[in-house]
PDB file of all heavy atoms in Angstrom:
ATOM      1  N   PRO A   1       0.826  -1.223  -0.025  1.00  0.00           N
ATOM      2  CA  PRO A   1       0.022  -0.041   0.032  1.00  0.00           C
ATOM      3  C   PRO A   1       0.799   1.258   0.011  1.00  0.00           C
ATOM      4  O   PRO A   1       0.476   2.270  -0.687  1.00  0.00           O
ATOM      5  CB  PRO A   1      -0.797  -0.119   1.275  1.00  0.00           C
ATOM      6  CG  PRO A   1      -0.826  -1.575   1.645  1.00  0.00           C
ATOM      7  CD  PRO A   1       0.504  -2.094   1.144  1.00  0.00           C
ATOM      8  N   PHE A   2       1.948   1.207   0.714  1.00  0.00           N
ATOM      9  CA  PHE A   2       2.830   2.422   0.794  1.00  0.00           C
ATOM     10  C   PHE A   2       3.543   2.623  -0.524  1.00  0.00           C
ATOM     11  O   PHE A   2       3.814   3.807  -1.002  1.00  0.00           O
ATOM     12  CB  PHE A   2       3.857   2.263   1.968  1.00  0.00           C
ATOM     13  CG  PHE A   2       3.223   2.102   3.335  1.00  0.00           C
ATOM     14  CD1 PHE A   2       3.028   0.814   3.866  1.00  0.00           C
ATOM     15  CD2 PHE A   2       2.681   3.208   3.937  1.00  0.00           C
ATOM     16  CE1 PHE A   2       2.425   0.579   5.007  1.00  0.00           C
ATOM     17  CE2 PHE A   2       2.098   3.007   5.171  1.00  0.00           C
ATOM     18  CZ  PHE A   2       1.971   1.746   5.733  1.00  0.00           C
ATOM     19  N   MET A   3       3.936   1.449  -1.147  1.00  0.00           N
ATOM     20  CA  MET A   3       4.623   1.512  -2.441  1.00  0.00           C
ATOM     21  C   MET A   3       3.657   2.080  -3.487  1.00  0.00           C
ATOM     22  O   MET A   3       3.983   2.866  -4.350  1.00  0.00           O
ATOM     23  CB  MET A   3       5.102   0.124  -2.888  1.00  0.00           C
ATOM     24  CG  MET A   3       6.231  -0.431  -1.989  1.00  0.00           C
ATOM     25  SD  MET A   3       6.591  -2.151  -2.400  1.00  0.00           S
ATOM     26  CE  MET A   3       7.234  -1.996  -4.104  1.00  0.00           C
ATOM     27  N   ALA A   4       2.403   1.620  -3.503  1.00  0.00           N
ATOM     28  CA  ALA A   4       1.439   2.085  -4.415  1.00  0.00           C
ATOM     29  C   ALA A   4       1.151   3.625  -4.254  1.00  0.00           C
ATOM     30  O   ALA A   4       1.039   4.334  -5.289  1.00  0.00           O
ATOM     31  CB  ALA A   4       0.116   1.377  -4.231  1.00  0.00           C
ATOM     32  N   LYS A   5       1.163   4.074  -3.074  1.00  0.00           N
ATOM     33  CA  LYS A   5       0.945   5.523  -2.802  1.00  0.00           C
ATOM     34  C   LYS A   5       2.078   6.343  -3.344  1.00  0.00           C
ATOM     35  O   LYS A   5       1.967   7.392  -3.975  1.00  0.00           O
ATOM     36  CB  LYS A   5       0.819   5.807  -1.295  1.00  0.00           C
ATOM     37  CG  LYS A   5       0.538   7.245  -0.953  1.00  0.00           C
ATOM     38  CD  LYS A   5       0.356   7.516   0.528  1.00  0.00           C
ATOM     39  CE  LYS A   5       0.168   8.950   0.863  1.00  0.00           C
ATOM     40  NZ  LYS A   5       0.001   9.192   2.334  1.00  0.00           N
ATOM     41  N   LEU A   6       3.294   5.842  -3.054  1.00  0.00           N
ATOM     42  CA  LEU A   6       4.466   6.498  -3.600  1.00  0.00           C
ATOM     43  C   LEU A   6       4.557   6.467  -5.074  1.00  0.00           C
ATOM     44  O   LEU A   6       4.848   7.556  -5.722  1.00  0.00           O
ATOM     45  CB  LEU A   6       5.733   5.768  -3.006  1.00  0.00           C
ATOM     46  CG  LEU A   6       7.089   6.489  -3.391  1.00  0.00           C
ATOM     47  CD1 LEU A   6       7.173   7.852  -2.880  1.00  0.00           C
ATOM     48  CD2 LEU A   6       8.218   5.565  -2.779  1.00  0.00           C
ATOM     49  N   ARG A   7       4.184   5.419  -5.780  1.00  0.00           N
ATOM     50  CA  ARG A   7       4.216   5.355  -7.217  1.00  0.00           C
ATOM     51  C   ARG A   7       3.087   6.318  -7.733  1.00  0.00           C
ATOM     52  O   ARG A   7       3.377   7.084  -8.716  1.00  0.00           O
ATOM     53  CB  ARG A   7       3.855   3.897  -7.646  1.00  0.00           C
ATOM     54  CG  ARG A   7       3.726   3.772  -9.191  1.00  0.00           C
ATOM     55  CD  ARG A   7       2.911   2.619  -9.536  1.00  0.00           C
ATOM     56  NE  ARG A   7       1.504   2.611  -8.949  1.00  0.00           N
ATOM     57  CZ  ARG A   7       0.735   1.598  -8.841  1.00  0.00           C
ATOM     58  NH1 ARG A   7       1.073   0.426  -9.299  1.00  0.00           N
ATOM     59  NH2 ARG A   7      -0.475   1.762  -8.317  1.00  0.00           N
ATOM     60  N   ASP A   8       2.002   6.315  -7.155  1.00  0.00           N
ATOM     61  CA  ASP A   8       0.902   7.208  -7.650  1.00  0.00           C
ATOM     62  C   ASP A   8       1.284   8.702  -7.419  1.00  0.00           C
ATOM     63  O   ASP A   8       0.870   9.548  -8.289  1.00  0.00           O
ATOM     64  CB  ASP A   8      -0.419   6.880  -6.952  1.00  0.00           C
ATOM     65  CG  ASP A   8      -0.974   5.539  -7.251  1.00  0.00           C
ATOM     66  OD1 ASP A   8      -0.476   4.915  -8.215  1.00  0.00           O
ATOM     67  OD2 ASP A   8      -1.781   5.008  -6.483  1.00  0.00           O
ATOM     68  N   GLU A   9       1.912   8.994  -6.386  1.00  0.00           N
ATOM     69  CA  GLU A   9       2.272  10.462  -6.123  1.00  0.00           C
ATOM     70  C   GLU A   9       3.426  10.945  -6.944  1.00  0.00           C
ATOM     71  O   GLU A   9       3.492  12.127  -7.293  1.00  0.00           O
ATOM     72  CB  GLU A   9       2.578  10.656  -4.647  1.00  0.00           C
ATOM     73  CG  GLU A   9       1.353  10.509  -3.759  1.00  0.00           C
ATOM     74  CD  GLU A   9       1.725  10.758  -2.223  1.00  0.00           C
ATOM     75  OE1 GLU A   9       2.924  10.784  -1.939  1.00  0.00           O
ATOM     76  OE2 GLU A   9       0.761  10.815  -1.482  1.00  0.00           O
ATOM     77  N   THR A  10       4.311   9.984  -7.303  1.00  0.00           N
ATOM     78  CA  THR A  10       5.529  10.372  -8.098  1.00  0.00           C
ATOM     79  C   THR A  10       5.442  10.052  -9.596  1.00  0.00           C
ATOM     80  O   THR A  10       6.146  10.593 -10.384  1.00  0.00           O
ATOM     81  CB  THR A  10       6.788   9.778  -7.488  1.00  0.00           C
ATOM     82  OG1 THR A  10       6.647   8.289  -7.628  1.00  0.00           O
ATOM     83  CG2 THR A  10       6.926  10.102  -6.025  1.00  0.00           C
ATOM     84  N   GLY A  11       4.562   9.087  -9.886  1.00  0.00           N
ATOM     85  CA  GLY A  11       4.495   8.595 -11.272  1.00  0.00           C
ATOM     86  C   GLY A  11       5.711   7.732 -11.690  1.00  0.00           C
ATOM     87  O   GLY A  11       6.000   7.575 -12.857  1.00  0.00           O
ATOM     88  N   GLU A  12       6.426   7.269 -10.630  1.00  0.00           N
ATOM     89  CA  GLU A  12       7.686   6.467 -10.963  1.00  0.00           C
ATOM     90  C   GLU A  12       7.524   5.066 -10.495  1.00  0.00           C
ATOM     91  O   GLU A  12       6.684   4.812  -9.566  1.00  0.00           O
ATOM     92  CB  GLU A  12       8.827   7.158 -10.229  1.00  0.00           C
ATOM     93  CG  GLU A  12       9.147   8.588 -10.624  1.00  0.00           C
ATOM     94  CD  GLU A  12       9.566   8.698 -12.096  1.00  0.00           C
ATOM     95  OE1 GLU A  12       9.971   7.679 -12.659  1.00  0.00           O
ATOM     96  OE2 GLU A  12       9.458   9.837 -12.588  1.00  0.00           O
ATOM     97  N   THR A  13       8.295   4.216 -11.045  1.00  0.00           N
ATOM     98  CA  THR A  13       8.350   2.743 -10.633  1.00  0.00           C
ATOM     99  C   THR A  13       8.943   2.721  -9.211  1.00  0.00           C
ATOM    100  O   THR A  13       9.887   3.401  -8.872  1.00  0.00           O
ATOM    101  CB  THR A  13       9.176   1.891 -11.565  1.00  0.00           C
ATOM    102  OG1 THR A  13       8.540   1.929 -12.840  1.00  0.00           O
ATOM    103  CG2 THR A  13       9.313   0.473 -11.052  1.00  0.00           C
ATOM    104  N   VAL A  14       8.398   1.795  -8.337  1.00  0.00           N
ATOM    105  CA  VAL A  14       8.781   1.656  -6.945  1.00  0.00           C
ATOM    106  C   VAL A  14       9.196   0.208  -6.752  1.00  0.00           C
ATOM    107  O   VAL A  14       8.353  -0.721  -7.053  1.00  0.00           O
ATOM    108  CB  VAL A  14       7.666   2.067  -5.949  1.00  0.00           C
ATOM    109  CG1 VAL A  14       8.212   1.865  -4.521  1.00  0.00           C
ATOM    110  CG2 VAL A  14       7.283   3.464  -6.212  1.00  0.00           C
ATOM    111  N   ASN A  15      10.381  -0.069  -6.197  1.00  0.00           N
ATOM    112  CA  ASN A  15      10.936  -1.359  -6.030  1.00  0.00           C
ATOM    113  C   ASN A  15      11.101  -1.611  -4.545  1.00  0.00           C
ATOM    114  O   ASN A  15      11.389  -0.690  -3.751  1.00  0.00           O
ATOM    115  CB  ASN A  15      12.224  -1.610  -6.638  1.00  0.00           C
ATOM    116  CG  ASN A  15      12.141  -1.552  -8.265  1.00  0.00           C
ATOM    117  OD1 ASN A  15      11.159  -1.992  -8.784  1.00  0.00           O
ATOM    118  ND2 ASN A  15      13.185  -1.065  -8.902  1.00  0.00           N
ATOM    119  N   LEU A  16      11.018  -2.837  -4.154  1.00  0.00           N
ATOM    120  CA  LEU A  16      11.240  -3.264  -2.725  1.00  0.00           C
ATOM    121  C   LEU A  16      12.167  -4.390  -2.844  1.00  0.00           C
ATOM    122  O   LEU A  16      12.028  -5.348  -3.535  1.00  0.00           O
ATOM    123  CB  LEU A  16       9.945  -3.703  -2.005  1.00  0.00           C
ATOM    124  CG  LEU A  16      10.179  -4.346  -0.660  1.00  0.00           C
ATOM    125  CD1 LEU A  16      10.599  -3.257   0.416  1.00  0.00           C
ATOM    126  CD2 LEU A  16       8.853  -4.905  -0.207  1.00  0.00           C
ATOM    127  N   GLY A  17      13.288  -4.308  -1.985  1.00  0.00           N
ATOM    128  CA  GLY A  17      14.247  -5.450  -1.984  1.00  0.00           C
ATOM    129  C   GLY A  17      14.911  -5.724  -0.646  1.00  0.00           C
ATOM    130  O   GLY A  17      14.744  -4.938   0.245  1.00  0.00           O
ATOM    131  N   ILE A  18      15.691  -6.818  -0.529  1.00  0.00           N
ATOM    132  CA  ILE A  18      16.377  -7.144   0.641  1.00  0.00           C
ATOM    133  C   ILE A  18      17.774  -7.567   0.215  1.00  0.00           C
ATOM    134  O   ILE A  18      18.057  -7.921  -0.920  1.00  0.00           O
ATOM    135  CB  ILE A  18      15.677  -8.295   1.430  1.00  0.00           C
ATOM    136  CG1 ILE A  18      15.592  -9.552   0.556  1.00  0.00           C
ATOM    137  CG2 ILE A  18      14.294  -7.868   1.905  1.00  0.00           C
ATOM    138  CD1 ILE A  18      15.146 -10.771   1.297  1.00  0.00           C
ATOM    139  N   LEU A  19      18.630  -7.606   1.191  1.00  0.00           N
ATOM    140  CA  LEU A  19      20.042  -8.085   1.076  1.00  0.00           C
ATOM    141  C   LEU A  19      20.074  -9.598   1.067  1.00  0.00           C
ATOM    142  O   LEU A  19      19.509 -10.168   1.941  1.00  0.00           O
ATOM    143  CB  LEU A  19      20.983  -7.504   2.125  1.00  0.00           C
ATOM    144  CG  LEU A  19      22.367  -8.023   2.127  1.00  0.00           C
ATOM    145  CD1 LEU A  19      23.080  -7.505   0.878  1.00  0.00           C
ATOM    146  CD2 LEU A  19      23.082  -7.531   3.377  1.00  0.00           C
ATOM    147  N   GLU A  20      20.602 -10.163  -0.022  1.00  0.00           N
ATOM    148  CA  GLU A  20      20.850 -11.580  -0.051  1.00  0.00           C
ATOM    149  C   GLU A  20      22.076 -11.869  -0.931  1.00  0.00           C
ATOM    150  O   GLU A  20      22.114 -11.495  -2.080  1.00  0.00           O
ATOM    151  CB  GLU A  20      19.637 -12.266  -0.648  1.00  0.00           C
ATOM    152  CG  GLU A  20      19.724 -13.782  -0.580  1.00  0.00           C
ATOM    153  CD  GLU A  20      18.407 -14.557  -0.895  1.00  0.00           C
ATOM    154  OE1 GLU A  20      17.480 -14.431  -0.105  1.00  0.00           O
ATOM    155  OE2 GLU A  20      18.318 -15.186  -1.933  1.00  0.00           O
ATOM    156  N   ASN A  21      22.988 -12.552  -0.265  1.00  0.00           N
ATOM    157  CA  ASN A  21      24.282 -12.927  -0.978  1.00  0.00           C
ATOM    158  C   ASN A  21      24.965 -11.817  -1.649  1.00  0.00           C
ATOM    159  O   ASN A  21      25.343 -11.840  -2.804  1.00  0.00           O
ATOM    160  CB  ASN A  21      23.954 -14.110  -2.003  1.00  0.00           C
ATOM    161  CG  ASN A  21      23.451 -15.323  -1.394  1.00  0.00           C
ATOM    162  OD1 ASN A  21      23.901 -15.756  -0.257  1.00  0.00           O
ATOM    163  ND2 ASN A  21      22.493 -15.997  -2.059  1.00  0.00           N
ATOM    164  N   ASN A  22      25.062 -10.668  -0.913  1.00  0.00           N
ATOM    165  CA  ASN A  22      25.727  -9.491  -1.487  1.00  0.00           C
ATOM    166  C   ASN A  22      25.103  -8.910  -2.675  1.00  0.00           C
ATOM    167  O   ASN A  22      25.749  -8.360  -3.571  1.00  0.00           O
ATOM    168  CB  ASN A  22      27.228  -9.712  -1.756  1.00  0.00           C
ATOM    169  CG  ASN A  22      28.077  -9.552  -0.497  1.00  0.00           C
ATOM    170  OD1 ASN A  22      27.659  -8.915   0.501  1.00  0.00           O
ATOM    171  ND2 ASN A  22      29.255  -9.996  -0.603  1.00  0.00           N
ATOM    172  N   MET A  23      23.796  -9.104  -2.859  1.00  0.00           N
ATOM    173  CA  MET A  23      23.045  -8.566  -3.906  1.00  0.00           C
ATOM    174  C   MET A  23      21.717  -7.956  -3.219  1.00  0.00           C
ATOM    175  O   MET A  23      21.280  -8.349  -2.155  1.00  0.00           O
ATOM    176  CB  MET A  23      22.556  -9.684  -4.926  1.00  0.00           C
ATOM    177  CG  MET A  23      23.777 -10.229  -5.597  1.00  0.00           C
ATOM    178  SD  MET A  23      24.485  -9.189  -6.927  1.00  0.00           S
ATOM    179  CE  MET A  23      23.376  -9.451  -8.272  1.00  0.00           C
ATOM    180  N   ALA A  24      21.086  -7.041  -3.984  1.00  0.00           N
ATOM    181  CA  ALA A  24      19.783  -6.566  -3.547  1.00  0.00           C
ATOM    182  C   ALA A  24      18.671  -7.338  -4.314  1.00  0.00           C
ATOM    183  O   ALA A  24      18.494  -7.145  -5.486  1.00  0.00           O
ATOM    184  CB  ALA A  24      19.617  -5.030  -3.872  1.00  0.00           C
ATOM    185  N   LEU A  25      18.105  -8.235  -3.641  1.00  0.00           N
ATOM    186  CA  LEU A  25      17.066  -9.160  -4.179  1.00  0.00           C
ATOM    187  C   LEU A  25      15.746  -8.483  -4.248  1.00  0.00           C
ATOM    188  O   LEU A  25      15.207  -8.036  -3.243  1.00  0.00           O
ATOM    189  CB  LEU A  25      17.013 -10.414  -3.432  1.00  0.00           C
ATOM    190  CG  LEU A  25      15.912 -11.460  -3.951  1.00  0.00           C
ATOM    191  CD1 LEU A  25      16.431 -12.005  -5.287  1.00  0.00           C
ATOM    192  CD2 LEU A  25      15.768 -12.609  -2.893  1.00  0.00           C
ATOM    193  N   LEU A  26      15.172  -8.346  -5.444  1.00  0.00           N
ATOM    194  CA  LEU A  26      13.891  -7.661  -5.627  1.00  0.00           C
ATOM    195  C   LEU A  26      12.718  -8.467  -5.254  1.00  0.00           C
ATOM    196  O   LEU A  26      12.562  -9.549  -5.711  1.00  0.00           O
ATOM    197  CB  LEU A  26      13.792  -7.199  -7.140  1.00  0.00           C
ATOM    198  CG  LEU A  26      12.748  -6.170  -7.449  1.00  0.00           C
ATOM    199  CD1 LEU A  26      13.099  -4.756  -6.738  1.00  0.00           C
ATOM    200  CD2 LEU A  26      12.615  -5.941  -8.956  1.00  0.00           C
ATOM    201  N   LEU A  27      11.973  -8.007  -4.317  1.00  0.00           N
ATOM    202  CA  LEU A  27      10.800  -8.743  -3.754  1.00  0.00           C
ATOM    203  C   LEU A  27       9.460  -8.279  -4.365  1.00  0.00           C
ATOM    204  O   LEU A  27       8.539  -9.055  -4.561  1.00  0.00           O
ATOM    205  CB  LEU A  27      10.694  -8.538  -2.185  1.00  0.00           C
ATOM    206  CG  LEU A  27      11.827  -9.114  -1.378  1.00  0.00           C
ATOM    207  CD1 LEU A  27      11.557  -8.893   0.122  1.00  0.00           C
ATOM    208  CD2 LEU A  27      12.020 -10.576  -1.627  1.00  0.00           C
ATOM    209  N   GLN A  28       9.387  -7.002  -4.649  1.00  0.00           N
ATOM    210  CA  GLN A  28       8.142  -6.452  -5.165  1.00  0.00           C
ATOM    211  C   GLN A  28       8.518  -5.243  -6.127  1.00  0.00           C
ATOM    212  O   GLN A  28       9.440  -4.541  -5.890  1.00  0.00           O
ATOM    213  CB  GLN A  28       7.276  -6.019  -4.054  1.00  0.00           C
ATOM    214  CG  GLN A  28       5.957  -5.385  -4.477  1.00  0.00           C
ATOM    215  CD  GLN A  28       5.048  -6.358  -5.195  1.00  0.00           C
ATOM    216  OE1 GLN A  28       5.244  -6.672  -6.258  1.00  0.00           O
ATOM    217  NE2 GLN A  28       4.018  -6.849  -4.442  1.00  0.00           N
ATOM    218  N   LYS A  29       7.604  -5.051  -7.106  1.00  0.00           N
ATOM    219  CA  LYS A  29       7.943  -4.002  -8.122  1.00  0.00           C
ATOM    220  C   LYS A  29       6.510  -3.522  -8.585  1.00  0.00           C
ATOM    221  O   LYS A  29       5.711  -4.242  -9.080  1.00  0.00           O
ATOM    222  CB  LYS A  29       8.677  -4.507  -9.226  1.00  0.00           C
ATOM    223  CG  LYS A  29       8.926  -3.449 -10.366  1.00  0.00           C
ATOM    224  CD  LYS A  29       9.781  -4.074 -11.477  1.00  0.00           C
ATOM    225  CE  LYS A  29      10.022  -3.090 -12.587  1.00  0.00           C
ATOM    226  NZ  LYS A  29      10.901  -3.704 -13.648  1.00  0.00           N
ATOM    227  N   LEU A  30       6.265  -2.181  -8.420  1.00  0.00           N
ATOM    228  CA  LEU A  30       5.031  -1.550  -8.944  1.00  0.00           C
ATOM    229  C   LEU A  30       5.514  -0.664 -10.054  1.00  0.00           C
ATOM    230  O   LEU A  30       6.236   0.352  -9.859  1.00  0.00           O
ATOM    231  CB  LEU A  30       4.358  -0.827  -7.806  1.00  0.00           C
ATOM    232  CG  LEU A  30       3.912  -1.708  -6.602  1.00  0.00           C
ATOM    233  CD1 LEU A  30       3.057  -0.801  -5.665  1.00  0.00           C
ATOM    234  CD2 LEU A  30       3.116  -2.824  -7.107  1.00  0.00           C
ATOM    235  N   GLU A  31       5.042  -0.968 -11.288  1.00  0.00           N
ATOM    236  CA  GLU A  31       5.510  -0.293 -12.488  1.00  0.00           C
ATOM    237  C   GLU A  31       4.955   1.171 -12.580  1.00  0.00           C
ATOM    238  O   GLU A  31       3.822   1.466 -12.150  1.00  0.00           O
ATOM    239  CB  GLU A  31       5.093  -1.034 -13.728  1.00  0.00           C
ATOM    240  CG  GLU A  31       5.843  -2.374 -13.902  1.00  0.00           C
ATOM    241  CD  GLU A  31       7.248  -2.182 -14.480  1.00  0.00           C
ATOM    242  OE1 GLU A  31       7.672  -0.996 -14.689  1.00  0.00           O
ATOM    243  OE2 GLU A  31       7.869  -3.220 -14.734  1.00  0.00           O
TER     244      GLU A  31
END
């Protein structure tokens, strides 16, 4: 819900990720 609000307010893609094996693993993406 927070990602959707941020995307709608900015008009930009919003990504959510976590650290895994020295990489940022993408968990969610709102285009």
